[in-house]
């Protein structure tokens, strides 16, 4: 069996108080991997919670890989030509967005994580933060 350096997932999320999720989905031409509305109830663990925001999320599943940047590139490629639509909704509904990569490192020696110009350009166009959530030696 091949040994991979990371278990990785990536996503883009657009969020705020309230905005028309179905309208945004139709206009952007992509179905979200997850969406929810402010005030909806959900269960985490054994506790009931209430969503404090409305959100539209496009993400990947976790995969074992030696190239974690490939997942975020997949998300950026899907959304790159939709920057105007994202910005329109951000302005109309006072929304925020960010791009996230979650990485579980399996070993201390890993590939470098490249951030290419296309990701930088997309994040800049939509005013998004780019975040990493990183864990070490916890692949199961």
N, C-alpha and C. Protein backbone atom coordinates (compact mmCIF):
# COMPACT_ATOMS: atom_id res chain seq x y z
N UNK A 1 0.84 -1.18 0.00
CA UNK A 1 0.00 0.00 0.00
C UNK A 1 0.88 1.25 0.00
N UNK A 2 0.50 2.23 -0.80
CA UNK A 2 1.27 3.47 -0.90
C UNK A 2 1.07 4.32 0.34
N UNK A 3 2.14 4.94 0.80
CA UNK A 3 2.13 5.83 1.96
C UNK A 3 1.96 7.27 1.47
N UNK A 4 0.92 7.93 1.90
CA UNK A 4 0.69 9.32 1.51
C UNK A 4 1.08 10.25 2.65
N UNK A 5 1.47 11.47 2.29
CA UNK A 5 1.89 12.44 3.30
C UNK A 5 0.71 13.10 3.99
N UNK A 6 -0.42 13.25 3.28
CA UNK A 6 -1.52 14.00 3.87
C UNK A 6 -2.87 13.39 3.55
N UNK A 7 -3.81 13.69 4.45
CA UNK A 7 -5.24 13.52 4.17
C UNK A 7 -5.75 14.95 4.09
N UNK A 8 -6.38 15.30 2.98
CA UNK A 8 -6.68 16.70 2.69
C UNK A 8 -8.10 16.87 2.16
N UNK A 9 -8.68 18.01 2.48
CA UNK A 9 -9.94 18.46 1.86
C UNK A 9 -9.85 19.96 1.70
N UNK A 10 -10.71 20.51 0.82
CA UNK A 10 -10.70 21.95 0.57
C UNK A 10 -12.12 22.41 0.29
N UNK A 11 -12.38 23.70 0.59
CA UNK A 11 -13.69 24.25 0.28
C UNK A 11 -13.67 25.77 0.18
N UNK A 12 -14.71 26.28 -0.48
CA UNK A 12 -15.03 27.70 -0.55
C UNK A 12 -16.36 27.86 0.16
N UNK A 13 -16.51 28.93 0.95
CA UNK A 13 -17.78 29.18 1.61
C UNK A 13 -18.14 30.66 1.51
N UNK A 14 -19.40 30.90 1.16
CA UNK A 14 -19.98 32.24 1.11
C UNK A 14 -21.04 32.28 2.21
N UNK A 15 -20.98 33.28 3.09
CA UNK A 15 -21.87 33.25 4.25
C UNK A 15 -22.24 34.66 4.70
N UNK A 16 -23.35 34.72 5.44
CA UNK A 16 -23.82 35.98 6.00
C UNK A 16 -25.16 35.77 6.69
N UNK A 17 -25.82 36.87 7.02
CA UNK A 17 -27.08 36.77 7.74
C UNK A 17 -28.14 36.01 6.95
N UNK A 18 -28.45 36.46 5.77
CA UNK A 18 -29.47 35.80 4.98
C UNK A 18 -29.31 36.20 3.52
N UNK A 19 -29.40 35.23 2.64
CA UNK A 19 -29.41 35.50 1.20
C UNK A 19 -30.09 34.33 0.51
N UNK A 20 -30.57 34.54 -0.71
CA UNK A 20 -31.33 33.50 -1.41
C UNK A 20 -30.42 32.40 -1.97
N UNK A 21 -30.30 31.31 -1.24
CA UNK A 21 -29.41 30.21 -1.62
C UNK A 21 -29.78 29.63 -2.99
N UNK A 22 -31.07 29.39 -3.21
CA UNK A 22 -31.49 28.78 -4.49
C UNK A 22 -31.18 29.70 -5.67
N UNK A 23 -31.40 30.98 -5.48
CA UNK A 23 -31.12 31.96 -6.54
C UNK A 23 -29.62 32.00 -6.83
N UNK A 24 -28.79 32.02 -5.78
CA UNK A 24 -27.34 32.03 -5.97
C UNK A 24 -26.89 30.76 -6.69
N UNK A 25 -27.41 29.61 -6.26
CA UNK A 25 -27.05 28.33 -6.87
C UNK A 25 -27.39 28.33 -8.36
N UNK A 26 -28.56 28.81 -8.70
CA UNK A 26 -28.99 28.85 -10.10
C UNK A 26 -28.08 29.79 -10.90
N UNK A 27 -27.79 30.95 -10.34
CA UNK A 27 -26.99 31.93 -11.07
C UNK A 27 -25.54 31.48 -11.25
N UNK A 28 -24.99 30.83 -10.26
CA UNK A 28 -23.59 30.40 -10.35
C UNK A 28 -23.46 29.11 -11.17
N UNK A 29 -24.56 28.36 -11.27
CA UNK A 29 -24.56 27.16 -12.11
C UNK A 29 -23.87 25.95 -11.50
N UNK A 30 -23.72 25.95 -10.20
CA UNK A 30 -23.09 24.82 -9.49
C UNK A 30 -23.94 24.48 -8.27
N UNK A 31 -24.10 23.21 -8.01
CA UNK A 31 -24.78 22.80 -6.78
C UNK A 31 -23.78 22.80 -5.64
N UNK A 32 -24.15 23.35 -4.49
CA UNK A 32 -23.23 23.34 -3.35
C UNK A 32 -23.08 21.93 -2.78
N UNK A 33 -21.98 21.69 -2.13
CA UNK A 33 -21.83 20.42 -1.41
C UNK A 33 -22.55 20.50 -0.08
N UNK A 34 -22.80 21.73 0.39
CA UNK A 34 -23.57 21.95 1.61
C UNK A 34 -24.12 23.37 1.58
N UNK A 35 -25.32 23.54 2.09
CA UNK A 35 -25.87 24.88 2.28
C UNK A 35 -26.84 24.81 3.45
N UNK A 36 -27.01 25.94 4.12
CA UNK A 36 -27.95 26.00 5.24
C UNK A 36 -28.37 27.44 5.46
N UNK A 37 -29.50 27.58 6.15
CA UNK A 37 -30.08 28.90 6.40
C UNK A 37 -29.97 29.27 7.88
N UNK A 38 -29.82 30.54 8.10
CA UNK A 38 -29.78 31.09 9.45
C UNK A 38 -31.05 30.65 10.19
N UNK A 39 -30.88 30.19 11.42
CA UNK A 39 -32.01 29.77 12.24
C UNK A 39 -32.33 28.29 12.16
N UNK A 40 -31.77 27.57 11.18
CA UNK A 40 -32.00 26.13 11.09
C UNK A 40 -31.36 25.40 12.27
N UNK A 41 -32.01 24.36 12.72
CA UNK A 41 -31.45 23.53 13.79
C UNK A 41 -30.60 22.43 13.17
N UNK A 42 -29.54 22.04 13.90
CA UNK A 42 -28.72 20.91 13.47
C UNK A 42 -28.15 20.24 14.72
N UNK A 43 -27.75 19.00 14.56
CA UNK A 43 -27.18 18.22 15.66
C UNK A 43 -25.69 18.06 15.42
N UNK A 44 -24.88 18.36 16.43
CA UNK A 44 -23.44 18.09 16.41
C UNK A 44 -23.15 17.29 17.66
N UNK A 45 -22.68 16.07 17.43
CA UNK A 45 -22.50 15.17 18.58
C UNK A 45 -23.87 14.80 19.12
N UNK A 46 -24.10 15.11 20.38
CA UNK A 46 -25.40 14.83 21.00
C UNK A 46 -26.18 16.11 21.29
N UNK A 47 -25.64 17.25 20.85
CA UNK A 47 -26.25 18.53 21.18
C UNK A 47 -26.93 19.17 19.98
N UNK A 48 -28.05 19.82 20.25
CA UNK A 48 -28.79 20.56 19.22
C UNK A 48 -28.26 21.99 19.20
N UNK A 49 -28.05 22.50 17.99
CA UNK A 49 -27.57 23.87 17.79
C UNK A 49 -28.46 24.57 16.78
N UNK A 50 -28.33 25.88 16.70
CA UNK A 50 -29.06 26.66 15.72
C UNK A 50 -28.04 27.41 14.87
N UNK A 51 -28.21 27.35 13.56
CA UNK A 51 -27.30 28.05 12.64
C UNK A 51 -27.41 29.55 12.86
N UNK A 52 -26.28 30.21 12.98
CA UNK A 52 -26.28 31.65 13.20
C UNK A 52 -26.00 32.42 11.91
N UNK A 53 -25.90 31.68 10.79
CA UNK A 53 -25.66 32.33 9.50
C UNK A 53 -26.27 31.48 8.39
N UNK A 54 -26.39 32.08 7.23
CA UNK A 54 -26.76 31.37 6.01
C UNK A 54 -25.47 31.14 5.25
N UNK A 55 -25.29 29.95 4.67
CA UNK A 55 -24.03 29.64 3.99
C UNK A 55 -24.23 28.76 2.77
N UNK A 56 -23.37 28.99 1.79
CA UNK A 56 -23.29 28.19 0.56
C UNK A 56 -21.85 27.71 0.47
N UNK A 57 -21.66 26.39 0.42
CA UNK A 57 -20.31 25.82 0.48
C UNK A 57 -20.08 24.87 -0.69
N UNK A 58 -18.92 25.00 -1.32
CA UNK A 58 -18.49 24.08 -2.36
C UNK A 58 -17.17 23.48 -1.90
N UNK A 59 -17.16 22.16 -1.71
CA UNK A 59 -15.96 21.53 -1.18
C UNK A 59 -15.72 20.15 -1.73
N UNK A 60 -14.61 19.59 -1.30
CA UNK A 60 -14.21 18.23 -1.69
C UNK A 60 -14.35 17.31 -0.48
N UNK A 61 -14.32 16.04 -0.74
CA UNK A 61 -14.20 15.05 0.33
C UNK A 61 -12.73 14.99 0.74
N UNK A 62 -12.45 14.37 1.88
CA UNK A 62 -11.06 14.10 2.26
C UNK A 62 -10.50 13.04 1.33
N UNK A 63 -9.26 13.26 0.89
CA UNK A 63 -8.55 12.23 0.13
C UNK A 63 -7.13 12.12 0.66
N UNK A 64 -6.53 10.94 0.47
CA UNK A 64 -5.12 10.75 0.77
C UNK A 64 -4.33 11.20 -0.46
N UNK A 65 -3.35 12.07 -0.25
CA UNK A 65 -2.62 12.64 -1.38
C UNK A 65 -1.24 13.14 -0.95
N UNK A 66 -0.37 13.24 -1.90
CA UNK A 66 0.91 13.91 -1.69
C UNK A 66 0.89 15.31 -2.30
N UNK A 67 -0.25 15.71 -2.83
CA UNK A 67 -0.38 17.01 -3.50
C UNK A 67 -1.65 17.72 -3.02
N UNK A 68 -1.63 18.24 -1.78
CA UNK A 68 -2.84 18.87 -1.24
C UNK A 68 -3.32 20.09 -2.02
N UNK A 69 -2.43 20.74 -2.74
CA UNK A 69 -2.84 21.92 -3.51
C UNK A 69 -3.79 21.56 -4.65
N UNK A 70 -3.78 20.31 -5.08
CA UNK A 70 -4.66 19.90 -6.18
C UNK A 70 -6.13 20.07 -5.83
N UNK A 71 -6.49 19.85 -4.57
CA UNK A 71 -7.89 19.98 -4.17
C UNK A 71 -8.36 21.42 -4.20
N UNK A 72 -7.56 22.34 -3.68
CA UNK A 72 -7.98 23.73 -3.71
C UNK A 72 -8.00 24.25 -5.14
N UNK A 73 -7.09 23.77 -5.97
CA UNK A 73 -7.11 24.16 -7.38
C UNK A 73 -8.40 23.71 -8.05
N UNK A 74 -8.91 22.55 -7.68
CA UNK A 74 -10.17 22.04 -8.21
C UNK A 74 -11.33 22.99 -7.87
N UNK A 75 -11.36 23.47 -6.63
CA UNK A 75 -12.40 24.41 -6.20
C UNK A 75 -12.26 25.74 -6.95
N UNK A 76 -11.05 26.25 -7.01
CA UNK A 76 -10.81 27.52 -7.70
C UNK A 76 -11.18 27.42 -9.17
N UNK A 77 -10.82 26.32 -9.82
CA UNK A 77 -11.16 26.14 -11.24
C UNK A 77 -12.67 26.15 -11.44
N UNK A 78 -13.42 25.58 -10.51
CA UNK A 78 -14.89 25.55 -10.62
C UNK A 78 -15.51 26.93 -10.48
N UNK A 79 -14.90 27.80 -9.66
CA UNK A 79 -15.50 29.09 -9.33
C UNK A 79 -14.84 30.30 -10.00
N UNK A 80 -13.70 30.11 -10.63
CA UNK A 80 -12.89 31.22 -11.11
C UNK A 80 -13.68 32.19 -11.99
N UNK A 81 -14.47 31.69 -12.92
CA UNK A 81 -15.22 32.56 -13.83
C UNK A 81 -16.50 33.11 -13.21
N UNK A 82 -16.75 32.82 -11.95
CA UNK A 82 -17.95 33.29 -11.25
C UNK A 82 -17.66 34.41 -10.26
N UNK A 83 -16.48 35.00 -10.33
CA UNK A 83 -16.09 36.05 -9.38
C UNK A 83 -17.08 37.21 -9.37
N UNK A 84 -17.58 37.62 -10.54
CA UNK A 84 -18.53 38.74 -10.60
C UNK A 84 -19.83 38.40 -9.87
N UNK A 85 -20.30 37.19 -10.04
CA UNK A 85 -21.53 36.75 -9.37
C UNK A 85 -21.32 36.73 -7.86
N UNK A 86 -20.20 36.17 -7.43
CA UNK A 86 -19.89 36.12 -5.99
C UNK A 86 -19.85 37.54 -5.43
N UNK A 87 -19.16 38.42 -6.12
CA UNK A 87 -19.05 39.81 -5.64
C UNK A 87 -20.40 40.51 -5.62
N UNK A 88 -21.25 40.23 -6.59
CA UNK A 88 -22.58 40.83 -6.63
C UNK A 88 -23.36 40.43 -5.37
N UNK A 89 -23.34 39.15 -5.03
CA UNK A 89 -24.06 38.70 -3.83
C UNK A 89 -23.41 39.22 -2.56
N UNK A 90 -22.08 39.27 -2.55
CA UNK A 90 -21.40 39.82 -1.37
C UNK A 90 -21.87 41.25 -1.11
N UNK A 91 -21.95 42.04 -2.17
CA UNK A 91 -22.35 43.44 -2.02
C UNK A 91 -23.83 43.58 -1.69
N UNK A 92 -24.68 42.84 -2.40
CA UNK A 92 -26.13 42.96 -2.20
C UNK A 92 -26.56 42.53 -0.80
N UNK A 93 -25.90 41.50 -0.26
CA UNK A 93 -26.36 40.91 1.00
C UNK A 93 -25.33 41.03 2.13
N UNK A 94 -24.30 41.83 1.91
CA UNK A 94 -23.26 42.04 2.93
C UNK A 94 -22.67 40.70 3.40
N UNK A 95 -22.19 39.90 2.45
CA UNK A 95 -21.68 38.57 2.73
C UNK A 95 -20.16 38.57 2.84
N UNK A 96 -19.64 37.51 3.41
CA UNK A 96 -18.21 37.26 3.51
C UNK A 96 -17.92 35.92 2.86
N UNK A 97 -16.66 35.67 2.54
CA UNK A 97 -16.28 34.36 2.02
C UNK A 97 -14.84 34.06 2.38
N UNK A 98 -14.52 32.79 2.38
CA UNK A 98 -13.14 32.38 2.52
C UNK A 98 -12.91 31.06 1.83
N UNK A 99 -11.65 30.75 1.62
CA UNK A 99 -11.21 29.52 0.99
C UNK A 99 -10.39 28.78 2.04
N UNK A 100 -10.66 27.48 2.21
CA UNK A 100 -10.01 26.71 3.27
C UNK A 100 -9.40 25.44 2.72
N UNK A 101 -8.23 25.11 3.20
CA UNK A 101 -7.63 23.80 2.98
C UNK A 101 -7.36 23.19 4.34
N UNK A 102 -7.86 21.97 4.55
CA UNK A 102 -7.65 21.23 5.79
C UNK A 102 -6.67 20.11 5.49
N UNK A 103 -5.58 20.07 6.24
CA UNK A 103 -4.52 19.10 5.98
C UNK A 103 -4.18 18.33 7.25
N UNK A 104 -4.22 17.02 7.16
CA UNK A 104 -3.74 16.13 8.21
C UNK A 104 -2.43 15.53 7.71
N UNK A 105 -1.30 15.95 8.31
CA UNK A 105 0.00 15.42 7.91
C UNK A 105 0.21 14.06 8.55
N UNK A 106 0.72 13.12 7.76
CA UNK A 106 0.99 11.77 8.23
C UNK A 106 2.45 11.60 8.62
N UNK A 107 3.32 12.45 8.13
CA UNK A 107 4.74 12.31 8.43
C UNK A 107 5.36 13.70 8.53
N UNK A 108 6.56 13.76 9.06
CA UNK A 108 7.23 15.04 9.22
C UNK A 108 7.84 15.54 7.93
N UNK A 109 8.12 14.64 7.00
CA UNK A 109 8.67 15.04 5.72
C UNK A 109 7.55 14.99 4.70
N UNK A 110 7.20 16.15 4.13
CA UNK A 110 6.08 16.22 3.20
C UNK A 110 6.48 17.02 1.98
N UNK A 111 5.64 16.96 0.98
CA UNK A 111 5.80 17.80 -0.20
C UNK A 111 5.55 19.25 0.22
N UNK A 112 6.09 20.17 -0.53
CA UNK A 112 5.76 21.57 -0.31
C UNK A 112 4.32 21.84 -0.73
N UNK A 113 3.70 22.81 -0.13
CA UNK A 113 2.34 23.19 -0.49
C UNK A 113 2.42 24.46 -1.32
N UNK A 114 2.15 24.34 -2.60
CA UNK A 114 2.23 25.48 -3.49
C UNK A 114 0.92 26.25 -3.55
N UNK A 115 1.02 27.56 -3.58
CA UNK A 115 -0.15 28.42 -3.78
C UNK A 115 0.11 29.15 -5.10
N UNK A 116 -0.67 28.80 -6.12
CA UNK A 116 -0.37 29.34 -7.44
C UNK A 116 -1.03 30.70 -7.68
N UNK A 117 -0.64 31.31 -8.79
CA UNK A 117 -1.14 32.65 -9.13
C UNK A 117 -2.65 32.67 -9.34
N UNK A 118 -3.20 31.59 -9.87
CA UNK A 118 -4.65 31.53 -10.12
C UNK A 118 -5.42 31.60 -8.81
N UNK A 119 -4.96 30.87 -7.78
CA UNK A 119 -5.59 30.93 -6.47
C UNK A 119 -5.48 32.33 -5.88
N UNK A 120 -4.30 32.91 -5.97
CA UNK A 120 -4.08 34.27 -5.44
C UNK A 120 -4.98 35.27 -6.17
N UNK A 121 -5.05 35.15 -7.49
CA UNK A 121 -5.89 36.07 -8.27
C UNK A 121 -7.36 35.91 -7.90
N UNK A 122 -7.84 34.67 -7.79
CA UNK A 122 -9.24 34.43 -7.45
C UNK A 122 -9.55 34.97 -6.06
N UNK A 123 -8.72 34.66 -5.08
CA UNK A 123 -8.94 35.14 -3.71
C UNK A 123 -8.97 36.67 -3.69
N UNK A 124 -8.08 37.29 -4.44
CA UNK A 124 -8.04 38.76 -4.50
C UNK A 124 -9.30 39.33 -5.16
N UNK A 125 -9.73 38.72 -6.27
CA UNK A 125 -10.92 39.20 -6.99
C UNK A 125 -12.16 39.21 -6.11
N UNK A 126 -12.29 38.21 -5.25
CA UNK A 126 -13.51 38.11 -4.44
C UNK A 126 -13.30 38.57 -3.00
N UNK A 127 -12.10 39.04 -2.70
CA UNK A 127 -11.82 39.54 -1.35
C UNK A 127 -11.90 38.45 -0.29
N UNK A 128 -11.43 37.26 -0.65
CA UNK A 128 -11.51 36.12 0.28
C UNK A 128 -10.22 35.92 1.04
N UNK A 129 -10.36 35.52 2.29
CA UNK A 129 -9.21 35.04 3.05
C UNK A 129 -8.92 33.63 2.56
N UNK A 130 -7.66 33.22 2.65
CA UNK A 130 -7.28 31.85 2.36
C UNK A 130 -6.72 31.29 3.65
N UNK A 131 -7.33 30.24 4.16
CA UNK A 131 -6.94 29.70 5.46
C UNK A 131 -6.48 28.25 5.33
N UNK A 132 -5.61 27.87 6.25
CA UNK A 132 -5.18 26.48 6.40
C UNK A 132 -5.60 26.01 7.78
N UNK A 133 -6.09 24.81 7.85
CA UNK A 133 -6.36 24.15 9.12
C UNK A 133 -5.47 22.92 9.10
N UNK A 134 -4.44 22.88 9.95
CA UNK A 134 -3.38 21.88 9.84
C UNK A 134 -3.28 21.05 11.11
N UNK A 135 -3.19 19.74 10.91
CA UNK A 135 -3.03 18.78 12.01
C UNK A 135 -1.84 17.89 11.68
N UNK A 136 -1.19 17.36 12.69
CA UNK A 136 0.02 16.56 12.48
C UNK A 136 -0.13 15.16 13.06
N UNK A 137 0.27 14.16 12.28
CA UNK A 137 0.32 12.75 12.69
C UNK A 137 -0.99 12.22 13.25
N UNK A 138 -2.09 12.50 12.56
CA UNK A 138 -3.38 12.00 13.05
C UNK A 138 -4.17 11.24 11.99
N UNK A 139 -3.53 10.84 10.90
CA UNK A 139 -4.26 10.06 9.89
C UNK A 139 -4.59 8.71 10.48
N UNK A 140 -5.84 8.32 10.31
CA UNK A 140 -6.29 7.03 10.83
C UNK A 140 -6.34 6.00 9.74
